[in-house]
Amino acid sequence: MSLPTDVSTRVDVSTATSPAAPAGLHQVAPPHDRAQDPVEHRGRTWWPLIRPLVLRMHFYAGLLVAPFILVASVTGLLYTLAPQVEQVAYHDLTHVTPAGPRVSYAEQVAAARQSHPGGDIVRVDVPQAGDRSTRVVFTDETVPADYDMSVFVNPYTATVEGQVRSFGQWLGFRAWLDELHRNLHLGALGRSYSELAASWLWVVALGGLMLWIGRQTRIRRDRGGGRLGFARRLVTPDLAARRRRLRVVSWHAVIGVWALLGVLALSVSGLTWSRFAGDHIGEVRTALSWSEPTPSTSLAPGGVAAEHSHHGAHGGSATATDPDAVFTDGAGVDGVVAAAREAGLGDPLYLVPPADASSAWTAAENKRSWPTRYDAISVDPAGGVVDRVDFADWPLMAKVTDWVIGAHMGILFGIVNQVALAMLAIGLIVVTLYGYRMWWLRRPRGASGLRFGRPAPRGGLRRLPWPALAALVTLAAVVGWFVPMLGVSLIGFVLVDAAVGIVRRRRRAG
């Protein structure tokens, strides 16, 4: 929901200037409608008081933020195709032909090291099936920051099949699409675009819902009809509307209603990855113990555990002279795999080498599709289990956060999840374009050329009583601190709008 969904033609076409409001830009007052008169209904209902403010914010937020939402929707739609593209593009690297018994993992790691002499080994991914290759992940100075280089080894012959740069789990093209969606390949600066879109998405969605419900409530009051008819009008477009703009508004609003829950989930999960709001969310999760627990990797008695994430934290070298000694010394990598299997860990199985001589291995499941599995253990050099954390022991909110993020990425429910995300992205694109179409159709009658529609009326803040205004400002300040991109841009909207109003009033007075 990107632009105003209120379709009151009396408000849209009114050009009467309110005698109670100072002259200025767009000082358009609604006609004397008893259902919307904030004075007559003061104290009996809150909606007439805040409707003008919601309408104006929805309009300007939709107008100015919609391009960012549109870009995020288009790149998100492209990303829904990534899993299938990745499977086809890298099939020769990730798949092998079974041929007899497997060689040891230590030999496979040695083969990967021979083909990639530089960098540290940060993770080893055990093959998930008999026809899959082993993946050894290296740091690499030739790839962008936060990227690694994944080397694929045939587990039956220890032959290196090839290598490709990777970002977490994602390979090559999928990693490229992921970065396109996150930051348009513009680095930290580009992350601001996606954070701005996620910060405002829930605001324009909920504001549009309020306006649409308000309109349907007025229609029900004027025309009658029961709750069933009211609910039907909320979720079905008005195909019988005579005016073209009303049909466009109807489609804009109804598609927004159907997409609402998905849009809110995208907004919340998108903020968890954001640059500024993500830090605040992380602090809240830590304070409330909602973070994902990880097994202790400290081998020192009473020592502080080194943190290793099951999503693939970077490990370090075991010794300064031979960084790969951990893969053969003691139980070695093969002993860690055996310990993990004995502990009941299934596939996909990720192995993270020790960070230093006083740290243990981490062996963790990373099954991100439903039902998810993230059981993890730490293993000492002799192959003994040091600590264990099961997914069942995670805090509920940590589980919910992971599930929401998995759904956002299209991996929680497989192809069904991808299709749902694609439909949601298409819905957002259509809603945004319909919003701009509505704006275009609000042009003055007889207008030609590049002339746009009128904005929503000003003066919403002045209509609020002081207690409500104080509560609103306080709420905006709290939300703006927690979601900085929303707060900064909101202040910008208010300042620009106030400046335009002052300039127009001076012109009229002159």
Protein backbone atom coordinates (compact mmCIF):
# COMPACT_ATOMS: atom_id res chain seq x y z
CA MET A 1 0.00 0.00 0.00
CA SER A 2 1.96 2.90 -1.21
CA LEU A 3 -0.42 5.76 -1.83
CA PRO A 4 -3.71 6.96 -0.35
CA THR A 5 -6.50 4.45 -0.38
CA ASP A 6 -9.22 6.82 0.76
CA VAL A 7 -11.62 7.28 -2.13
CA SER A 8 -14.05 9.85 -0.82
CA THR A 9 -14.86 11.82 -3.92
CA ARG A 10 -16.16 14.68 -1.82
CA VAL A 11 -12.75 15.12 -0.23
CA ASP A 12 -10.86 14.53 -3.47
CA VAL A 13 -12.66 17.17 -5.53
CA SER A 14 -13.21 19.75 -2.84
CA THR A 15 -11.33 23.00 -3.33
CA ALA A 16 -12.97 25.02 -0.59
CA THR A 17 -10.51 26.73 1.72
CA SER A 18 -11.09 26.16 5.40
CA PRO A 19 -11.84 29.43 7.18
CA ALA A 20 -10.27 28.06 10.37
CA ALA A 21 -6.95 27.24 8.75
CA PRO A 22 -4.39 29.80 7.59
CA ALA A 23 -4.05 30.20 3.87
CA GLY A 24 -1.31 28.07 2.37
CA LEU A 25 -0.48 25.20 0.11
CA HIS A 26 -3.28 22.69 -0.21
CA GLN A 27 -5.39 24.17 2.51
CA VAL A 28 -8.25 21.97 1.39
CA ALA A 29 -10.91 21.29 3.96
CA PRO A 30 -13.23 18.31 3.78
CA PRO A 31 -16.88 19.13 3.24
CA HIS A 32 -19.27 19.12 6.14
CA ASP A 33 -19.70 15.37 6.40
CA ARG A 34 -21.18 14.32 9.74
CA ALA A 35 -19.40 10.97 9.43
CA GLN A 36 -16.02 12.70 9.18
CA ASP A 37 -16.46 15.98 11.09
CA PRO A 38 -13.81 15.92 13.86
CA VAL A 39 -15.50 18.76 15.76
CA GLU A 40 -18.97 17.28 15.91
CA HIS A 41 -17.68 13.84 16.79
CA ARG A 42 -14.94 14.91 19.17
CA GLY A 43 -14.95 12.62 22.18
CA ARG A 44 -17.08 9.97 20.48
CA THR A 45 -14.58 8.49 18.00
CA TRP A 46 -10.87 8.91 17.41
CA TRP A 47 -10.85 8.23 13.66
CA PRO A 48 -12.09 11.64 12.42
CA LEU A 49 -9.31 13.23 14.47
CA ILE A 50 -6.42 11.31 13.00
CA ARG A 51 -7.77 10.51 9.53
CA PRO A 52 -6.38 13.69 7.87
CA LEU A 53 -2.94 13.01 9.35
CA VAL A 54 -2.98 9.34 8.33
CA LEU A 55 -4.11 10.28 4.84
CA ARG A 56 -1.39 12.88 4.36
CA MET A 57 1.36 10.66 5.77
CA HIS A 58 0.19 7.73 3.65
CA PHE A 59 0.23 9.94 0.58
CA TYR A 60 3.68 11.46 1.07
CA ALA A 61 5.29 8.28 2.37
CA GLY A 62 3.86 6.40 -0.57
CA LEU A 63 4.90 9.07 -3.03
CA LEU A 64 8.48 9.43 -1.84
CA VAL A 65 9.28 5.97 -0.45
CA ALA A 66 7.40 3.93 -3.05
CA PRO A 67 10.35 3.98 -5.51
CA PHE A 68 12.51 2.25 -2.91
CA ILE A 69 9.75 -0.27 -2.17
CA LEU A 70 9.35 -0.84 -5.90
CA VAL A 71 13.07 -1.54 -6.36
CA ALA A 72 13.09 -3.88 -3.36
CA SER A 73 10.05 -5.70 -4.78
CA VAL A 74 11.58 -6.13 -8.23
CA THR A 75 14.93 -7.35 -6.89
CA GLY A 76 13.11 -9.57 -4.41
CA LEU A 77 11.10 -11.07 -7.27
CA LEU A 78 14.32 -11.86 -9.12
CA TYR A 79 15.75 -13.42 -5.99
CA THR A 80 12.88 -15.91 -5.76
CA LEU A 81 14.32 -17.56 -8.88
CA ALA A 82 17.79 -17.90 -7.35
CA PRO A 83 17.58 -21.47 -5.93
CA GLN A 84 16.70 -23.02 -9.27
CA VAL A 85 19.27 -20.91 -11.10
CA GLU A 86 21.93 -21.94 -8.59
CA GLN A 87 21.12 -25.62 -8.96
CA VAL A 88 21.44 -25.46 -12.73
CA ALA A 89 24.43 -23.12 -12.92
CA TYR A 90 26.59 -25.01 -10.42
CA HIS A 91 25.33 -28.54 -10.92
CA ASP A 92 28.72 -29.76 -12.13
CA LEU A 93 30.37 -28.43 -8.96
CA THR A 94 27.85 -29.62 -6.41
CA HIS A 95 27.01 -33.04 -7.88
CA VAL A 96 29.24 -36.05 -8.54
CA THR A 97 28.83 -39.61 -9.77
CA PRO A 98 29.17 -42.15 -6.93
CA ALA A 99 32.16 -44.44 -7.53
CA GLY A 100 33.05 -46.81 -4.71
CA PRO A 101 34.01 -45.92 -1.13
CA ARG A 102 34.74 -42.35 -0.10
CA VAL A 103 38.20 -41.14 0.76
CA SER A 104 38.80 -39.54 4.14
CA TYR A 105 37.73 -35.99 4.76
CA ALA A 106 41.31 -35.15 5.66
CA GLU A 107 42.39 -36.14 2.14
CA GLN A 108 39.59 -34.11 0.62
CA VAL A 109 40.57 -31.04 2.64
CA ALA A 110 44.21 -31.53 1.61
CA ALA A 111 43.15 -31.65 -2.05
CA ALA A 112 41.16 -28.45 -1.63
CA ARG A 113 44.15 -26.79 0.04
CA GLN A 114 46.42 -27.82 -2.83
CA SER A 115 44.11 -26.10 -5.30
CA HIS A 116 43.72 -23.06 -3.08
CA PRO A 117 47.05 -22.39 -1.31
CA GLY A 118 46.07 -19.05 0.23
CA GLY A 119 43.55 -18.16 2.94
CA ASP A 120 42.20 -19.94 6.01
CA ILE A 121 39.74 -22.79 5.92
CA VAL A 122 36.64 -21.49 7.68
CA ARG A 123 34.14 -24.28 7.13
CA VAL A 124 33.75 -27.78 5.72
CA ASP A 125 30.32 -28.83 4.46
CA VAL A 126 29.76 -32.57 4.58
CA PRO A 127 27.96 -33.97 1.48
CA GLN A 128 24.22 -34.23 2.05
CA ALA A 129 23.77 -37.22 -0.24
CA GLY A 130 25.79 -39.82 -2.10
CA ASP A 131 25.85 -37.77 -5.28
CA ARG A 132 26.99 -34.49 -3.67
CA SER A 133 30.47 -33.05 -3.42
CA THR A 134 32.29 -31.90 -0.31
CA ARG A 135 32.55 -28.13 0.05
CA VAL A 136 35.60 -26.52 1.67
CA VAL A 137 35.23 -22.79 2.30
CA PHE A 138 38.30 -20.51 2.32
CA THR A 139 38.92 -16.86 3.05
CA ASP A 140 40.18 -15.17 -0.07
CA GLU A 141 41.63 -11.70 -0.60
CA THR A 142 40.46 -11.62 -4.22
CA VAL A 143 36.74 -11.65 -3.38
CA PRO A 144 34.67 -8.78 -1.93
CA ALA A 145 34.37 -8.24 1.80
CA ASP A 146 32.09 -10.77 3.55
CA TYR A 147 32.57 -13.19 0.65
CA ASP A 148 34.59 -16.43 0.69
CA MET A 149 35.79 -18.93 -1.90
CA SER A 150 34.13 -22.35 -1.96
CA VAL A 151 36.15 -25.27 -3.33
CA PHE A 152 34.23 -28.42 -4.30
CA VAL A 153 35.87 -31.83 -3.95
CA ASN A 154 34.72 -35.22 -5.24
CA PRO A 155 34.42 -37.33 -2.06
CA TYR A 156 35.17 -40.55 -3.96
CA THR A 157 38.36 -39.47 -5.71
CA ALA A 158 39.50 -36.31 -3.84
CA THR A 159 39.45 -34.55 -7.19
CA VAL A 160 38.75 -30.83 -7.10
CA GLU A 161 35.70 -30.12 -9.26
CA GLY A 162 36.15 -26.36 -9.21
CA GLN A 163 35.65 -23.28 -7.08
CA VAL A 164 33.34 -20.28 -6.95
CA ARG A 165 33.03 -17.30 -4.66
CA SER A 166 30.27 -17.57 -2.07
CA PHE A 167 28.37 -15.54 0.49
CA GLY A 168 27.37 -17.74 3.41
CA GLN A 169 25.53 -20.65 1.83
CA TRP A 170 24.92 -18.95 -1.50
CA LEU A 171 27.10 -19.45 -4.55
CA GLY A 172 28.03 -17.07 -7.35
CA PHE A 173 24.90 -15.87 -9.08
CA ARG A 174 22.61 -16.41 -6.09
CA ALA A 175 25.02 -14.42 -3.91
CA TRP A 176 25.01 -11.70 -6.59
CA LEU A 177 21.21 -11.53 -6.57
CA ASP A 178 21.18 -11.51 -2.79
CA GLU A 179 23.51 -8.50 -2.73
CA LEU A 180 21.49 -6.80 -5.45
CA HIS A 181 18.41 -7.08 -3.26
CA ARG A 182 20.23 -5.98 -0.10
CA ASN A 183 22.28 -3.05 -1.34
CA LEU A 184 22.17 -2.79 -5.16
CA HIS A 185 25.91 -3.63 -5.12
CA LEU A 186 26.61 -0.21 -3.59
CA GLY A 187 28.01 -1.45 -0.28
CA ALA A 188 27.09 0.24 2.99
CA LEU A 189 25.51 3.18 1.16
CA GLY A 190 23.24 0.85 -0.78
CA ARG A 191 21.98 -0.78 2.40
CA SER A 192 20.20 2.47 3.19
CA TYR A 193 17.80 1.93 0.28
CA SER A 194 16.57 -1.43 1.55
CA GLU A 195 16.43 -0.20 5.14
CA LEU A 196 14.38 2.82 4.10
CA ALA A 197 11.97 0.54 2.22
CA ALA A 198 11.65 -1.88 5.16
CA SER A 199 11.29 0.98 7.66
CA TRP A 200 8.33 2.56 5.86
CA LEU A 201 6.69 -0.51 4.40
CA TRP A 202 4.75 -1.39 7.54
CA VAL A 203 3.76 2.26 8.06
CA VAL A 204 2.22 2.74 4.63
CA ALA A 205 0.62 -0.72 4.79
CA LEU A 206 -1.09 -0.15 8.13
CA GLY A 207 -2.00 3.43 7.20
CA GLY A 208 -3.59 2.23 3.99
CA LEU A 209 -5.52 -0.44 5.87
CA MET A 210 -6.86 2.17 8.30
CA LEU A 211 -7.99 4.40 5.44
CA TRP A 212 -9.65 1.52 3.61
CA ILE A 213 -11.49 0.32 6.73
CA GLY A 214 -12.54 3.90 7.43
CA ARG A 215 -13.99 4.25 3.95
CA GLN A 216 -15.85 0.93 4.14
CA THR A 217 -17.21 1.89 7.55
CA ARG A 218 -18.59 5.12 6.09
CA ILE A 219 -20.12 3.23 3.14
CA ARG A 220 -21.74 0.77 5.51
CA ARG A 221 -23.15 3.62 7.58
CA ASP A 222 -24.47 5.48 4.54
CA ARG A 223 -25.80 2.52 2.56
CA GLY A 224 -26.47 -0.02 5.26
CA GLY A 225 -25.50 -3.67 5.06
CA GLY A 226 -24.28 -6.20 7.56
CA ARG A 227 -20.90 -7.35 8.67
CA LEU A 228 -20.65 -9.85 5.85
CA GLY A 229 -21.05 -7.17 3.23
CA PHE A 230 -18.54 -4.99 5.05
CA ALA A 231 -15.98 -7.82 5.10
CA ARG A 232 -16.64 -8.62 1.45
CA ARG A 233 -15.99 -5.04 0.38
CA LEU A 234 -12.70 -5.06 2.29
CA VAL A 235 -11.30 -8.01 0.34
CA THR A 236 -12.96 -7.80 -3.08
CA PRO A 237 -12.50 -5.02 -5.65
CA ASP A 238 -15.44 -2.88 -6.69
CA LEU A 239 -15.73 -3.92 -10.34
CA ALA A 240 -19.00 -2.00 -10.72
CA ALA A 241 -17.52 1.38 -9.85
CA ARG A 242 -18.37 3.86 -12.60
CA ARG A 243 -15.39 6.15 -12.13
CA ARG A 244 -12.05 4.86 -13.32
CA ARG A 245 -10.18 6.24 -10.34
CA LEU A 246 -12.48 4.46 -7.90
CA ARG A 247 -11.81 1.15 -9.64
CA VAL A 248 -8.06 1.79 -9.42
CA VAL A 249 -8.32 2.69 -5.74
CA SER A 250 -10.37 -0.43 -5.10
CA TRP A 251 -7.77 -2.70 -6.70
CA HIS A 252 -4.95 -0.85 -4.91
CA ALA A 253 -6.58 -1.31 -1.52
CA VAL A 254 -7.83 -4.88 -1.92
CA ILE A 255 -4.49 -6.20 -3.15
CA GLY A 256 -2.91 -4.42 -0.21
CA VAL A 257 -5.30 -6.10 2.22
CA TRP A 258 -4.52 -9.55 0.82
CA ALA A 259 -0.78 -8.88 0.98
CA LEU A 260 -0.83 -7.22 4.41
CA LEU A 261 0.43 -10.07 6.61
CA GLY A 262 3.18 -10.95 4.18
CA VAL A 263 4.16 -7.30 3.84
CA LEU A 264 4.44 -6.90 7.62
CA ALA A 265 6.55 -10.06 7.86
CA LEU A 266 8.85 -8.80 5.10
CA SER A 267 9.20 -5.44 6.81
CA VAL A 268 10.05 -6.89 10.23
CA SER A 269 12.44 -9.53 8.93
CA GLY A 270 14.07 -7.04 6.57
CA LEU A 271 14.79 -4.73 9.50
CA THR A 272 16.67 -7.49 11.32
CA TRP A 273 19.33 -7.34 8.56
CA SER A 274 19.37 -3.57 8.32
CA ARG A 275 22.34 -1.39 9.14
CA PHE A 276 20.89 0.81 11.89
CA ALA A 277 17.60 -0.72 13.06
CA GLY A 278 19.26 -4.14 12.94
CA ASP A 279 21.69 -3.09 15.68
CA HIS A 280 18.80 -2.00 17.90
CA ILE A 281 16.93 -5.23 17.22
CA GLY A 282 20.05 -7.19 18.09
CA GLU A 283 20.36 -5.33 21.40
CA VAL A 284 16.74 -6.08 22.26
CA ARG A 285 17.15 -9.76 21.37
CA THR A 286 20.24 -9.99 23.56
CA ALA A 287 18.57 -8.19 26.47
CA LEU A 288 15.54 -10.50 26.31
CA SER A 289 17.65 -13.65 25.71
CA TRP A 290 16.10 -14.15 22.28
CA SER A 291 19.43 -14.78 20.55
CA GLU A 292 20.42 -18.15 19.12
CA PRO A 293 22.42 -20.11 21.71
CA THR A 294 25.65 -21.77 20.56
CA PRO A 295 27.73 -24.50 22.20
CA SER A 296 30.77 -23.43 24.18
CA THR A 297 34.03 -24.00 22.29
CA SER A 298 36.38 -23.10 25.14
CA LEU A 299 38.73 -25.89 26.18
CA ALA A 300 40.11 -23.89 29.13
CA PRO A 301 38.44 -24.76 32.46
CA GLY A 302 36.16 -21.88 33.40
CA GLY A 303 37.13 -20.00 30.26
CA VAL A 304 34.80 -17.85 28.24
CA ALA A 305 33.41 -19.74 25.25
CA ALA A 306 34.41 -18.55 21.82
CA GLU A 307 31.29 -17.79 19.86
CA HIS A 308 30.75 -19.89 16.74
CA SER A 309 27.55 -19.49 14.80
CA HIS A 310 25.94 -22.48 13.11
CA HIS A 311 25.40 -20.18 10.13
CA GLY A 312 29.10 -20.31 9.38
CA ALA A 313 31.35 -18.21 11.58
CA HIS A 314 34.90 -17.86 10.41
CA GLY A 315 37.34 -20.07 12.22
CA GLY A 316 41.06 -19.49 12.43
CA SER A 317 44.29 -21.46 12.43
CA ALA A 318 45.24 -24.05 15.01
CA THR A 319 48.90 -23.15 15.06
CA ALA A 320 50.91 -20.30 13.66
CA THR A 321 53.14 -22.65 11.63
CA ASP A 322 50.59 -25.07 10.23
CA PRO A 323 47.06 -23.66 10.09
CA ASP A 324 45.67 -26.92 8.69
CA ALA A 325 47.12 -29.19 11.39
CA VAL A 326 43.73 -29.45 13.11
CA PHE A 327 42.35 -31.44 10.20
CA THR A 328 44.75 -34.33 10.88
CA ASP A 329 45.98 -33.95 14.47
CA GLY A 330 44.19 -36.00 17.10
CA ALA A 331 40.74 -37.06 15.95
CA GLY A 332 41.01 -34.64 13.04
CA VAL A 333 38.18 -33.71 10.78
CA ASP A 334 37.13 -37.35 10.30
CA GLY A 335 36.87 -37.81 14.06
CA VAL A 336 34.69 -34.70 14.33
CA VAL A 337 32.35 -36.06 11.64
CA ALA A 338 32.16 -39.39 13.50
CA ALA A 339 31.42 -37.62 16.79
CA ALA A 340 28.68 -35.58 15.15
CA ARG A 341 27.03 -38.65 13.67
CA GLU A 342 27.26 -40.49 16.97
CA ALA A 343 25.63 -37.50 18.65
CA GLY A 344 22.72 -37.81 16.22
CA LEU A 345 23.41 -34.77 14.02
CA GLY A 346 22.00 -35.06 10.53
CA ASP A 347 22.43 -33.22 7.24
CA PRO A 348 23.26 -30.60 6.18
CA LEU A 349 26.27 -30.83 8.52
CA TYR A 350 28.71 -27.92 8.78
CA LEU A 351 32.11 -28.18 10.48
CA VAL A 352 33.87 -25.08 11.79
CA PRO A 353 37.55 -25.60 12.79
CA PRO A 354 38.87 -24.28 16.11
CA ALA A 355 39.64 -20.59 16.35
CA ASP A 356 42.87 -21.34 18.24
CA ALA A 357 44.64 -24.03 20.24
CA SER A 358 42.36 -23.48 23.26
CA SER A 359 39.13 -23.86 21.29
CA ALA A 360 37.09 -26.82 20.12
CA TRP A 361 35.53 -27.68 16.78
CA THR A 362 31.91 -26.85 16.09
CA ALA A 363 29.72 -29.36 14.27
CA ALA A 364 26.24 -28.08 13.49
CA GLU A 365 23.18 -29.02 11.52
CA ASN A 366 21.95 -26.29 9.22
CA LYS A 367 18.64 -27.54 7.89
CA ARG A 368 16.79 -24.30 7.19
CA SER A 369 13.77 -25.83 5.45
CA TRP A 370 10.78 -27.05 7.42
CA PRO A 371 11.09 -28.82 9.80
CA THR A 372 14.22 -26.88 10.71
CA ARG A 373 17.11 -28.54 12.56
CA TYR A 374 19.97 -26.64 14.18
CA ASP A 375 21.37 -29.07 16.79
CA ALA A 376 25.04 -28.29 17.39
CA ILE A 377 27.96 -29.70 19.40
CA SER A 378 31.54 -28.69 20.11
CA VAL A 379 34.22 -31.36 19.82
CA ASP A 380 37.69 -31.41 21.41
CA PRO A 381 40.85 -32.53 19.53
CA ALA A 382 40.44 -36.07 20.88
CA GLY A 383 36.94 -36.38 19.44
CA GLY A 384 35.03 -35.90 22.69
CA VAL A 385 31.90 -33.78 22.92
CA VAL A 386 32.54 -30.61 24.95
CA ASP A 387 29.11 -28.99 24.83
CA ARG A 388 25.79 -29.36 23.08
CA VAL A 389 22.90 -27.06 22.20
CA ASP A 390 19.76 -28.50 20.61
CA PHE A 391 17.30 -26.52 18.55
CA ALA A 392 14.57 -27.65 20.94
CA ASP A 393 16.31 -25.65 23.67
CA TRP A 394 16.32 -22.37 21.76
CA PRO A 395 14.14 -19.57 23.14
CA LEU A 396 10.80 -19.43 21.35
CA MET A 397 11.47 -15.96 19.92
CA ALA A 398 14.83 -17.08 18.57
CA LYS A 399 13.01 -19.87 16.73
CA VAL A 400 10.32 -17.49 15.46
CA THR A 401 12.97 -15.04 14.26
CA ASP A 402 14.76 -17.76 12.36
CA TRP A 403 11.53 -19.01 10.80
CA VAL A 404 10.47 -15.52 9.71
CA ILE A 405 13.89 -14.88 8.18
CA GLY A 406 13.81 -18.26 6.45
CA ALA A 407 10.39 -17.45 5.00
CA HIS A 408 11.67 -14.05 3.84
CA MET A 409 14.53 -15.80 2.03
CA GLY A 410 12.19 -18.32 0.41
CA ILE A 411 13.84 -21.38 1.96
CA LEU A 412 11.54 -22.32 4.84
CA PHE A 413 8.88 -24.13 2.77
CA GLY A 414 10.75 -24.77 -0.45
CA ILE A 415 9.04 -24.11 -3.76
CA VAL A 416 5.77 -23.17 -2.04
CA ASN A 417 7.65 -20.46 -0.15
CA GLN A 418 9.23 -19.21 -3.38
CA VAL A 419 5.90 -19.01 -5.16
CA ALA A 420 4.32 -17.17 -2.23
CA LEU A 421 7.19 -14.67 -2.17
CA ALA A 422 6.94 -14.15 -5.93
CA MET A 423 3.20 -13.47 -5.64
CA LEU A 424 3.83 -11.08 -2.76
CA ALA A 425 6.50 -9.22 -4.73
CA ILE A 426 4.20 -8.96 -7.75
CA GLY A 427 1.42 -7.73 -5.48
CA LEU A 428 3.66 -5.00 -4.07
CA ILE A 429 4.70 -3.95 -7.55
CA VAL A 430 1.08 -3.74 -8.70
CA VAL A 431 -0.04 -1.87 -5.57
CA THR A 432 2.76 0.66 -6.01
CA LEU A 433 1.98 1.24 -9.69
CA TYR A 434 -1.73 1.54 -8.90
CA GLY A 435 -0.83 4.11 -6.27
CA TYR A 436 0.96 6.27 -8.81
CA ARG A 437 -1.92 5.75 -11.21
CA MET A 438 -4.29 7.10 -8.55
CA TRP A 439 -2.09 10.14 -8.13
CA TRP A 440 -2.11 10.73 -11.88
CA LEU A 441 -5.90 10.42 -12.04
CA ARG A 442 -6.29 13.12 -9.36
CA ARG A 443 -5.02 15.76 -11.76
CA PRO A 444 -7.24 18.84 -12.13
CA ARG A 445 -10.03 18.39 -14.64
CA GLY A 446 -8.98 19.22 -18.14
CA ALA A 447 -5.28 19.03 -17.24
CA SER A 448 -2.91 17.94 -19.97
CA GLY A 449 0.79 17.32 -20.11
CA LEU A 450 2.93 16.48 -17.10
CA ARG A 451 0.63 17.63 -14.31
CA PHE A 452 0.03 15.47 -11.28
CA GLY A 453 -2.73 15.07 -8.76
CA ARG A 454 -3.29 17.11 -5.64
CA PRO A 455 -1.72 15.88 -2.40
CA ALA A 456 -3.81 15.10 0.63
CA PRO A 457 -5.03 18.13 2.62
CA ARG A 458 -2.72 19.74 5.16
CA GLY A 459 -3.53 20.66 8.75
CA GLY A 460 -3.86 17.18 10.25
CA LEU A 461 -1.61 17.98 13.19
CA ARG A 462 -3.46 21.21 14.02
CA ARG A 463 -6.73 19.31 14.33
CA LEU A 464 -5.39 17.08 17.11
CA PRO A 465 -6.00 17.98 20.76
CA TRP A 466 -2.84 18.59 22.75
CA PRO A 467 -2.88 15.27 24.67
CA ALA A 468 -3.23 13.31 21.43
CA LEU A 469 -0.53 15.41 19.76
CA ALA A 470 1.87 14.87 22.66
CA ALA A 471 1.22 11.12 22.60
CA LEU A 472 1.75 11.03 18.84
CA VAL A 473 5.03 12.95 19.02
CA THR A 474 6.27 10.69 21.82
CA LEU A 475 5.36 7.58 19.87
CA ALA A 476 7.06 8.94 16.74
CA ALA A 477 10.20 9.72 18.76
CA VAL A 478 10.37 6.23 20.24
CA VAL A 479 9.77 4.49 16.92
CA GLY A 480 12.13 6.90 15.18
CA TRP A 481 14.93 6.07 17.63
CA PHE A 482 14.35 2.33 17.24
CA VAL A 483 14.06 2.58 13.43
CA PRO A 484 16.43 5.47 12.62
CA MET A 485 15.82 5.58 8.86
CA LEU A 486 12.12 6.02 9.54
CA GLY A 487 12.74 8.73 12.13
CA VAL A 488 15.21 10.74 10.03
CA SER A 489 13.09 10.58 6.88
CA LEU A 490 9.95 11.48 8.85
CA ILE A 491 11.65 14.59 10.22
CA GLY A 492 12.68 15.41 6.65
CA PHE A 493 9.09 15.06 5.42
CA VAL A 494 7.79 17.34 8.19
CA LEU A 495 10.44 20.02 7.61
CA VAL A 496 9.96 20.06 3.84
CA ASP A 497 6.19 20.12 4.18
CA ALA A 498 6.36 22.97 6.70
CA ALA A 499 8.77 24.94 4.51
CA VAL A 500 6.54 24.55 1.46
CA GLY A 501 3.54 25.69 3.47
CA ILE A 502 5.36 28.80 4.72
CA VAL A 503 6.51 29.73 1.23
CA ARG A 504 3.04 29.32 -0.24
CA ARG A 505 1.40 31.34 2.54
CA ARG A 506 3.85 34.19 1.98
CA ARG A 507 3.14 34.12 -1.74
CA ARG A 508 -0.57 34.29 -1.12
CA ALA A 509 -0.15 37.08 1.42
CA GLY A 510 2.04 39.02 -0.99
